[in-house]
Amino acid sequence: MPNIKPVSDLRNYTEVLKEVSPNNPVYLTKNGHGEYAIVKVDDLDRLHATVKLMAQLAEGEKSGREDGWLSADEVEAALGI
C-alpha cells in the first residue's frame, strides 16, 4: 500500500524519513494532489539505469527496423565468438 502523506508532515521530517525504505517511497501531497516522492538513492539510481537501458533498447529497435536486423551468425562474427 502506498505511503501517502501531506507535505506539511515534513515539519517532522525525521519521522517521515524513517518510513522511506528500499522499494517503498513516501509520496507527498500538496493541496490534496500528488506532488513529490521521497525515495532511497539506490532506488533512484536503479530508476535512472532502467530509463537509460530502455532508451538504448528503443534506439536499437529503431535501427533494426530502419537499417535491417543482423542474423545470429553476423552478431557472433562481429563479437568474435
PDB file of N, CA and C in Angstrom:
ATOM      1  N   MET A   1       0.846  -1.173   0.000  1.00  0.00           N
ATOM      2  CA  MET A   1       0.000   0.000   0.000  1.00  0.00           C
ATOM      3  C   MET A   1       0.896   1.242   0.000  1.00  0.00           C
ATOM      4  N   PRO A   2       0.632   2.195  -0.874  1.00  0.00           N
ATOM      5  CA  PRO A   2       1.480   3.390  -0.947  1.00  0.00           C
ATOM      6  C   PRO A   2       1.434   4.189   0.351  1.00  0.00           C
ATOM      7  N   ASN A   3       2.553   4.751   0.705  1.00  0.00           N
ATOM      8  CA  ASN A   3       2.670   5.593   1.883  1.00  0.00           C
ATOM      9  C   ASN A   3       2.498   7.040   1.425  1.00  0.00           C
ATOM     10  N   ILE A   4       1.329   7.613   1.680  1.00  0.00           N
ATOM     11  CA  ILE A   4       0.991   8.955   1.203  1.00  0.00           C
ATOM     12  C   ILE A   4       0.785   9.868   2.394  1.00  0.00           C
ATOM     13  N   LYS A   5       1.446  11.015   2.347  1.00  0.00           N
ATOM     14  CA  LYS A   5       1.357  11.977   3.438  1.00  0.00           C
ATOM     15  C   LYS A   5       1.246  13.389   2.871  1.00  0.00           C
ATOM     16  N   PRO A   6       0.631  14.299   3.616  1.00  0.00           N
ATOM     17  CA  PRO A   6       0.640  15.697   3.180  1.00  0.00           C
ATOM     18  C   PRO A   6       2.039  16.280   3.366  1.00  0.00           C
ATOM     19  N   VAL A   7       2.408  17.204   2.509  1.00  0.00           N
ATOM     20  CA  VAL A   7       3.740  17.804   2.569  1.00  0.00           C
ATOM     21  C   VAL A   7       3.955  18.496   3.920  1.00  0.00           C
ATOM     22  N   SER A   8       2.902  18.900   4.580  1.00  0.00           N
ATOM     23  CA  SER A   8       3.037  19.543   5.891  1.00  0.00           C
ATOM     24  C   SER A   8       3.644  18.605   6.926  1.00  0.00           C
ATOM     25  N   ASP A   9       3.581  17.288   6.699  1.00  0.00           N
ATOM     26  CA  ASP A   9       4.210  16.335   7.618  1.00  0.00           C
ATOM     27  C   ASP A   9       5.725  16.478   7.632  1.00  0.00           C
ATOM     28  N   LEU A  10       6.289  17.187   6.668  1.00  0.00           N
ATOM     29  CA  LEU A  10       7.742  17.383   6.649  1.00  0.00           C
ATOM     30  C   LEU A  10       8.212  18.288   7.776  1.00  0.00           C
ATOM     31  N   ARG A  11       7.274  18.915   8.479  1.00  0.00           N
ATOM     32  CA  ARG A  11       7.676  19.681   9.667  1.00  0.00           C
ATOM     33  C   ARG A  11       8.431  18.763  10.621  1.00  0.00           C
ATOM     34  N   ASN A  12       8.037  17.498  10.622  1.00  0.00           N
ATOM     35  CA  ASN A  12       8.715  16.473  11.420  1.00  0.00           C
ATOM     36  C   ASN A  12       9.379  15.500  10.442  1.00  0.00           C
ATOM     37  N   TYR A  13      10.320  16.029   9.652  1.00  0.00           N
ATOM     38  CA  TYR A  13      10.904  15.258   8.557  1.00  0.00           C
ATOM     39  C   TYR A  13      11.629  13.993   9.014  1.00  0.00           C
ATOM     40  N   THR A  14      12.160  13.994  10.218  1.00  0.00           N
ATOM     41  CA  THR A  14      12.861  12.810  10.704  1.00  0.00           C
ATOM     42  C   THR A  14      11.933  11.605  10.737  1.00  0.00           C
ATOM     43  N   GLU A  15      10.712  11.800  11.167  1.00  0.00           N
ATOM     44  CA  GLU A  15       9.744  10.701  11.219  1.00  0.00           C
ATOM     45  C   GLU A  15       9.353  10.250   9.813  1.00  0.00           C
ATOM     46  N   VAL A  16       9.206  11.206   8.903  1.00  0.00           N
ATOM     47  CA  VAL A  16       8.859  10.860   7.520  1.00  0.00           C
ATOM     48  C   VAL A  16       9.992  10.057   6.890  1.00  0.00           C
ATOM     49  N   LEU A  17      11.230  10.484   7.094  1.00  0.00           N
ATOM     50  CA  LEU A  17      12.375   9.788   6.505  1.00  0.00           C
ATOM     51  C   LEU A  17      12.533   8.374   7.055  1.00  0.00           C
ATOM     52  N   LYS A  18      12.123   8.143   8.282  1.00  0.00           N
ATOM     53  CA  LYS A  18      12.187   6.798   8.851  1.00  0.00           C
ATOM     54  C   LYS A  18      11.279   5.822   8.098  1.00  0.00           C
ATOM     55  N   GLU A  19      10.250   6.350   7.450  1.00  0.00           N
ATOM     56  CA  GLU A  19       9.294   5.499   6.730  1.00  0.00           C
ATOM     57  C   GLU A  19       9.742   5.160   5.319  1.00  0.00           C
ATOM     58  N   VAL A  20      10.775   5.830   4.821  1.00  0.00           N
ATOM     59  CA  VAL A  20      11.304   5.545   3.485  1.00  0.00           C
ATOM     60  C   VAL A  20      12.211   4.327   3.578  1.00  0.00           C
ATOM     61  N   SER A  21      11.984   3.362   2.713  1.00  0.00           N
ATOM     62  CA  SER A  21      12.826   2.160   2.686  1.00  0.00           C
ATOM     63  C   SER A  21      12.982   1.726   1.227  1.00  0.00           C
ATOM     64  N   PRO A  22      13.904   0.804   0.961  1.00  0.00           N
ATOM     65  CA  PRO A  22      14.076   0.357  -0.433  1.00  0.00           C
ATOM     66  C   PRO A  22      12.747  -0.123  -1.023  1.00  0.00           C
ATOM     67  N   ASN A  23      12.472   0.317  -2.211  1.00  0.00           N
ATOM     68  CA  ASN A  23      11.242  -0.022  -2.948  1.00  0.00           C
ATOM     69  C   ASN A  23       9.981   0.406  -2.218  1.00  0.00           C
ATOM     70  N   ASN A  24      10.091   1.362  -1.302  1.00  0.00           N
ATOM     71  CA  ASN A  24       8.930   1.845  -0.566  1.00  0.00           C
ATOM     72  C   ASN A  24       9.058   3.353  -0.346  1.00  0.00           C
ATOM     73  N   PRO A  25       8.768   4.142  -1.388  1.00  0.00           N
ATOM     74  CA  PRO A  25       8.882   5.592  -1.251  1.00  0.00           C
ATOM     75  C   PRO A  25       7.749   6.162  -0.402  1.00  0.00           C
ATOM     76  N   VAL A  26       7.940   7.380   0.030  1.00  0.00           N
ATOM     77  CA  VAL A  26       6.873   8.138   0.673  1.00  0.00           C
ATOM     78  C   VAL A  26       6.435   9.194  -0.336  1.00  0.00           C
ATOM     79  N   TYR A  27       5.150   9.216  -0.632  1.00  0.00           N
ATOM     80  CA  TYR A  27       4.587  10.192  -1.560  1.00  0.00           C
ATOM     81  C   TYR A  27       4.016  11.353  -0.765  1.00  0.00           C
ATOM     82  N   LEU A  28       4.305  12.564  -1.215  1.00  0.00           N
ATOM     83  CA  LEU A  28       3.821  13.758  -0.538  1.00  0.00           C
ATOM     84  C   LEU A  28       2.803  14.475  -1.408  1.00  0.00           C
ATOM     85  N   THR A  29       1.737  14.921  -0.770  1.00  0.00           N
ATOM     86  CA  THR A  29       0.700  15.647  -1.494  1.00  0.00           C
ATOM     87  C   THR A  29       0.742  17.122  -1.116  1.00  0.00           C
ATOM     88  N   LYS A  30       0.316  17.940  -2.049  1.00  0.00           N
ATOM     89  CA  LYS A  30       0.196  19.376  -1.822  1.00  0.00           C
ATOM     90  C   LYS A  30      -1.194  19.768  -2.294  1.00  0.00           C
ATOM     91  N   ASN A  31      -1.972  20.328  -1.421  1.00  0.00           N
ATOM     92  CA  ASN A  31      -3.365  20.675  -1.714  1.00  0.00           C
ATOM     93  C   ASN A  31      -4.146  19.458  -2.207  1.00  0.00           C
ATOM     94  N   GLY A  32      -3.836  18.299  -1.636  1.00  0.00           N
ATOM     95  CA  GLY A  32      -4.580  17.090  -1.942  1.00  0.00           C
ATOM     96  C   GLY A  32      -4.171  16.367  -3.211  1.00  0.00           C
ATOM     97  N   HIS A  33      -3.145  16.860  -3.885  1.00  0.00           N
ATOM     98  CA  HIS A  33      -2.688  16.244  -5.139  1.00  0.00           C
ATOM     99  C   HIS A  33      -1.238  15.780  -4.997  1.00  0.00           C
ATOM    100  N   GLY A  34      -0.900  14.651  -5.618  1.00  0.00           N
ATOM    101  CA  GLY A  34       0.467  14.151  -5.586  1.00  0.00           C
ATOM    102  C   GLY A  34       1.434  15.173  -6.144  1.00  0.00           C
ATOM    103  N   GLU A  35       2.523  15.421  -5.426  1.00  0.00           N
ATOM    104  CA  GLU A  35       3.469  16.449  -5.839  1.00  0.00           C
ATOM    105  C   GLU A  35       4.923  15.969  -5.773  1.00  0.00           C
ATOM    106  N   TYR A  36       5.261  15.177  -4.764  1.00  0.00           N
ATOM    107  CA  TYR A  36       6.643  14.774  -4.552  1.00  0.00           C
ATOM    108  C   TYR A  36       6.711  13.302  -4.142  1.00  0.00           C
ATOM    109  N   ALA A  37       7.914  12.747  -4.268  1.00  0.00           N
ATOM    110  CA  ALA A  37       8.181  11.408  -3.760  1.00  0.00           C
ATOM    111  C   ALA A  37       9.566  11.426  -3.122  1.00  0.00           C
ATOM    112  N   ILE A  38       9.670  10.796  -1.974  1.00  0.00           N
ATOM    113  CA  ILE A  38      10.964  10.651  -1.311  1.00  0.00           C
ATOM    114  C   ILE A  38      11.375   9.197  -1.486  1.00  0.00           C
ATOM    115  N   VAL A  39      12.522   8.991  -2.131  1.00  0.00           N
ATOM    116  CA  VAL A  39      12.997   7.633  -2.407  1.00  0.00           C
ATOM    117  C   VAL A  39      14.436   7.493  -1.923  1.00  0.00           C
ATOM    118  N   LYS A  40      14.845   6.266  -1.698  1.00  0.00           N
ATOM    119  CA  LYS A  40      16.238   5.984  -1.371  1.00  0.00           C
ATOM    120  C   LYS A  40      17.092   6.253  -2.613  1.00  0.00           C
ATOM    121  N   VAL A  41      18.329   6.666  -2.418  1.00  0.00           N
ATOM    122  CA  VAL A  41      19.221   6.978  -3.535  1.00  0.00           C
ATOM    123  C   VAL A  41      19.435   5.746  -4.413  1.00  0.00           C
ATOM    124  N   ASP A  42      19.559   4.573  -3.809  1.00  0.00           N
ATOM    125  CA  ASP A  42      19.742   3.350  -4.602  1.00  0.00           C
ATOM    126  C   ASP A  42      18.564   3.119  -5.537  1.00  0.00           C
ATOM    127  N   ASP A  43      17.347   3.382  -5.061  1.00  0.00           N
ATOM    128  CA  ASP A  43      16.167   3.230  -5.911  1.00  0.00           C
ATOM    129  C   ASP A  43      16.192   4.230  -7.060  1.00  0.00           C
ATOM    130  N   LEU A  44      16.607   5.454  -6.765  1.00  0.00           N
ATOM    131  CA  LEU A  44      16.690   6.475  -7.809  1.00  0.00           C
ATOM    132  C   LEU A  44      17.741   6.099  -8.851  1.00  0.00           C
ATOM    133  N   ASP A  45      18.895   5.606  -8.399  1.00  0.00           N
ATOM    134  CA  ASP A  45      19.942   5.169  -9.333  1.00  0.00           C
ATOM    135  C   ASP A  45      19.441   4.034 -10.220  1.00  0.00           C
ATOM    136  N   ARG A  46      18.714   3.096  -9.621  1.00  0.00           N
ATOM    137  CA  ARG A  46      18.166   1.971 -10.391  1.00  0.00           C
ATOM    138  C   ARG A  46      17.156   2.469 -11.422  1.00  0.00           C
ATOM    139  N   LEU A  47      16.352   3.441 -11.046  1.00  0.00           N
ATOM    140  CA  LEU A  47      15.374   4.021 -11.971  1.00  0.00           C
ATOM    141  C   LEU A  47      16.079   4.703 -13.149  1.00  0.00           C
ATOM    142  N   HIS A  48      17.123   5.473 -12.849  1.00  0.00           N
ATOM    143  CA  HIS A  48      17.882   6.133 -13.924  1.00  0.00           C
ATOM    144  C   HIS A  48      18.502   5.103 -14.867  1.00  0.00           C
ATOM    145  N   ALA A  49      19.065   4.034 -14.314  1.00  0.00           N
ATOM    146  CA  ALA A  49      19.669   2.990 -15.148  1.00  0.00           C
ATOM    147  C   ALA A  49      18.612   2.311 -16.015  1.00  0.00           C
ATOM    148  N   THR A  50      17.424   2.090 -15.462  1.00  0.00           N
ATOM    149  CA  THR A  50      16.344   1.464 -16.226  1.00  0.00           C
ATOM    150  C   THR A  50      15.912   2.351 -17.384  1.00  0.00           C
ATOM    151  N   VAL A  51      15.763   3.635 -17.128  1.00  0.00           N
ATOM    152  CA  VAL A  51      15.365   4.573 -18.184  1.00  0.00           C
ATOM    153  C   VAL A  51      16.427   4.614 -19.275  1.00  0.00           C
ATOM    154  N   LYS A  52      17.701   4.636 -18.891  1.00  0.00           N
ATOM    155  CA  LYS A  52      18.788   4.653 -19.874  1.00  0.00           C
ATOM    156  C   LYS A  52      18.770   3.381 -20.715  1.00  0.00           C
ATOM    157  N   LEU A  53      18.585   2.229 -20.071  1.00  0.00           N
ATOM    158  CA  LEU A  53      18.539   0.958 -20.793  1.00  0.00           C
ATOM    159  C   LEU A  53      17.358   0.930 -21.759  1.00  0.00           C
ATOM    160  N   MET A  54      16.197   1.388 -21.314  1.00  0.00           N
ATOM    161  CA  MET A  54      15.013   1.395 -22.178  1.00  0.00           C
ATOM    162  C   MET A  54      15.232   2.296 -23.399  1.00  0.00           C
ATOM    163  N   ALA A  55      15.896   3.428 -23.196  1.00  0.00           N
ATOM    164  CA  ALA A  55      16.187   4.332 -24.310  1.00  0.00           C
ATOM    165  C   ALA A  55      17.139   3.672 -25.308  1.00  0.00           C
ATOM    166  N   GLN A  56      18.148   2.954 -24.802  1.00  0.00           N
ATOM    167  CA  GLN A  56      19.088   2.265 -25.682  1.00  0.00           C
ATOM    168  C   GLN A  56      18.408   1.129 -26.439  1.00  0.00           C
ATOM    169  N   LEU A  57      17.516   0.407 -25.780  1.00  0.00           N
ATOM    170  CA  LEU A  57      16.777  -0.664 -26.459  1.00  0.00           C
ATOM    171  C   LEU A  57      15.875  -0.097 -27.550  1.00  0.00           C
ATOM    172  N   ALA A  58      15.224   1.029 -27.267  1.00  0.00           N
ATOM    173  CA  ALA A  58      14.370   1.664 -28.271  1.00  0.00           C
ATOM    174  C   ALA A  58      15.201   2.130 -29.466  1.00  0.00           C
ATOM    175  N   GLU A  59      16.389   2.660 -29.185  1.00  0.00           N
ATOM    176  CA  GLU A  59      17.288   3.094 -30.263  1.00  0.00           C
ATOM    177  C   GLU A  59      17.719   1.906 -31.116  1.00  0.00           C
ATOM    178  N   GLY A  60      18.044   0.792 -30.467  1.00  0.00           N
ATOM    179  CA  GLY A  60      18.439  -0.413 -31.198  1.00  0.00           C
ATOM    180  C   GLY A  60      17.301  -0.966 -32.033  1.00  0.00           C
ATOM    181  N   GLU A  61      16.100  -0.954 -31.479  1.00  0.00           N
ATOM    182  CA  GLU A  61      14.941  -1.446 -32.242  1.00  0.00           C
ATOM    183  C   GLU A  61      14.676  -0.553 -33.454  1.00  0.00           C
ATOM    184  N   LYS A  62      14.787   0.757 -33.263  1.00  0.00           N
ATOM    185  CA  LYS A  62      14.581   1.693 -34.378  1.00  0.00           C
ATOM    186  C   LYS A  62      15.630   1.442 -35.465  1.00  0.00           C
ATOM    187  N   SER A  63      16.874   1.242 -35.052  1.00  0.00           N
ATOM    188  CA  SER A  63      17.944   0.973 -36.008  1.00  0.00           C
ATOM    189  C   SER A  63      17.677  -0.320 -36.770  1.00  0.00           C
ATOM    190  N   GLY A  64      17.212  -1.338 -36.064  1.00  0.00           N
ATOM    191  CA  GLY A  64      16.902  -2.609 -36.721  1.00  0.00           C
ATOM    192  C   GLY A  64      15.791  -2.471 -37.740  1.00  0.00           C
ATOM    193  N   ARG A  65      14.786  -1.706 -37.400  1.00  0.00           N
ATOM    194  CA  ARG A  65      13.662  -1.516 -38.337  1.00  0.00           C
ATOM    195  C   ARG A  65      14.071  -0.704 -39.553  1.00  0.00           C
ATOM    196  N   GLU A  66      14.917   0.313 -39.336  1.00  0.00           N
ATOM    197  CA  GLU A  66      15.302   1.196 -40.438  1.00  0.00           C
ATOM    198  C   GLU A  66      16.429   0.612 -41.291  1.00  0.00           C
ATOM    199  N   ASP A  67      17.422   0.001 -40.647  1.00  0.00           N
ATOM    200  CA  ASP A  67      18.620  -0.449 -41.350  1.00  0.00           C
ATOM    201  C   ASP A  67      18.675  -1.964 -41.548  1.00  0.00           C
ATOM    202  N   GLY A  68      17.735  -2.669 -40.967  1.00  0.00           N
ATOM    203  CA  GLY A  68      17.718  -4.120 -41.076  1.00  0.00           C
ATOM    204  C   GLY A  68      18.359  -4.781 -39.874  1.00  0.00           C
ATOM    205  N   TRP A  69      17.909  -5.999 -39.602  1.00  0.00           N
ATOM    206  CA  TRP A  69      18.376  -6.758 -38.445  1.00  0.00           C
ATOM    207  C   TRP A  69      19.592  -7.594 -38.819  1.00  0.00           C
ATOM    208  N   LEU A  70      20.411  -7.895 -37.834  1.00  0.00           N
ATOM    209  CA  LEU A  70      21.548  -8.782 -38.033  1.00  0.00           C
ATOM    210  C   LEU A  70      21.139 -10.203 -37.664  1.00  0.00           C
ATOM    211  N   SER A  71      21.682 -11.152 -38.384  1.00  0.00           N
ATOM    212  CA  SER A  71      21.421 -12.552 -38.036  1.00  0.00           C
ATOM    213  C   SER A  71      22.293 -12.927 -36.841  1.00  0.00           C
ATOM    214  N   ALA A  72      21.991 -14.039 -36.213  1.00  0.00           N
ATOM    215  CA  ALA A  72      22.783 -14.517 -35.086  1.00  0.00           C
ATOM    216  C   ALA A  72      24.227 -14.746 -35.520  1.00  0.00           C
ATOM    217  N   ASP A  73      24.421 -15.276 -36.723  1.00  0.00           N
ATOM    218  CA  ASP A  73      25.778 -15.517 -37.220  1.00  0.00           C
ATOM    219  C   ASP A  73      26.542 -14.205 -37.383  1.00  0.00           C
ATOM    220  N   GLU A  74      25.873 -13.173 -37.885  1.00  0.00           N
ATOM    221  CA  GLU A  74      26.523 -11.870 -38.064  1.00  0.00           C
ATOM    222  C   GLU A  74      26.918 -11.266 -36.713  1.00  0.00           C
ATOM    223  N   VAL A  75      26.065 -11.420 -35.719  1.00  0.00           N
ATOM    224  CA  VAL A  75      26.370 -10.911 -34.374  1.00  0.00           C
ATOM    225  C   VAL A  75      27.565 -11.667 -33.795  1.00  0.00           C
ATOM    226  N   GLU A  76      27.571 -12.971 -33.916  1.00  0.00           N
ATOM    227  CA  GLU A  76      28.688 -13.767 -33.400  1.00  0.00           C
ATOM    228  C   GLU A  76      29.982 -13.393 -34.100  1.00  0.00           C
ATOM    229  N   ALA A  77      29.929 -13.180 -35.400  1.00  0.00           N
ATOM    230  CA  ALA A  77      31.135 -12.802 -36.130  1.00  0.00           C
ATOM    231  C   ALA A  77      31.632 -11.433 -35.691  1.00  0.00           C
ATOM    232  N   ALA A  78      30.705 -10.491 -35.474  1.00  0.00           N
ATOM    233  CA  ALA A  78      31.094  -9.144 -35.046  1.00  0.00           C
ATOM    234  C   ALA A  78      31.696  -9.169 -33.643  1.00  0.00           C
ATOM    235  N   LEU A  79      31.234 -10.075 -32.820  1.00  0.00           N
ATOM    236  CA  LEU A  79      31.743 -10.177 -31.446  1.00  0.00           C
ATOM    237  C   LEU A  79      32.939 -11.116 -31.336  1.00  0.00           C
ATOM    238  N   GLY A  80      33.258 -11.806 -32.417  1.00  0.00           N
ATOM    239  CA  GLY A  80      34.392 -12.720 -32.415  1.00  0.00           C
ATOM    240  C   GLY A  80      34.132 -13.997 -31.616  1.00  0.00           C
ATOM    241  N   ILE A  81      32.906 -14.422 -31.639  1.00  0.00           N
ATOM    242  CA  ILE A  81      32.528 -15.633 -30.881  1.00  0.00           C
ATOM    243  C   ILE A  81      32.570 -16.850 -31.803  1.00  0.00           C
TER     244      ILE A  81
END
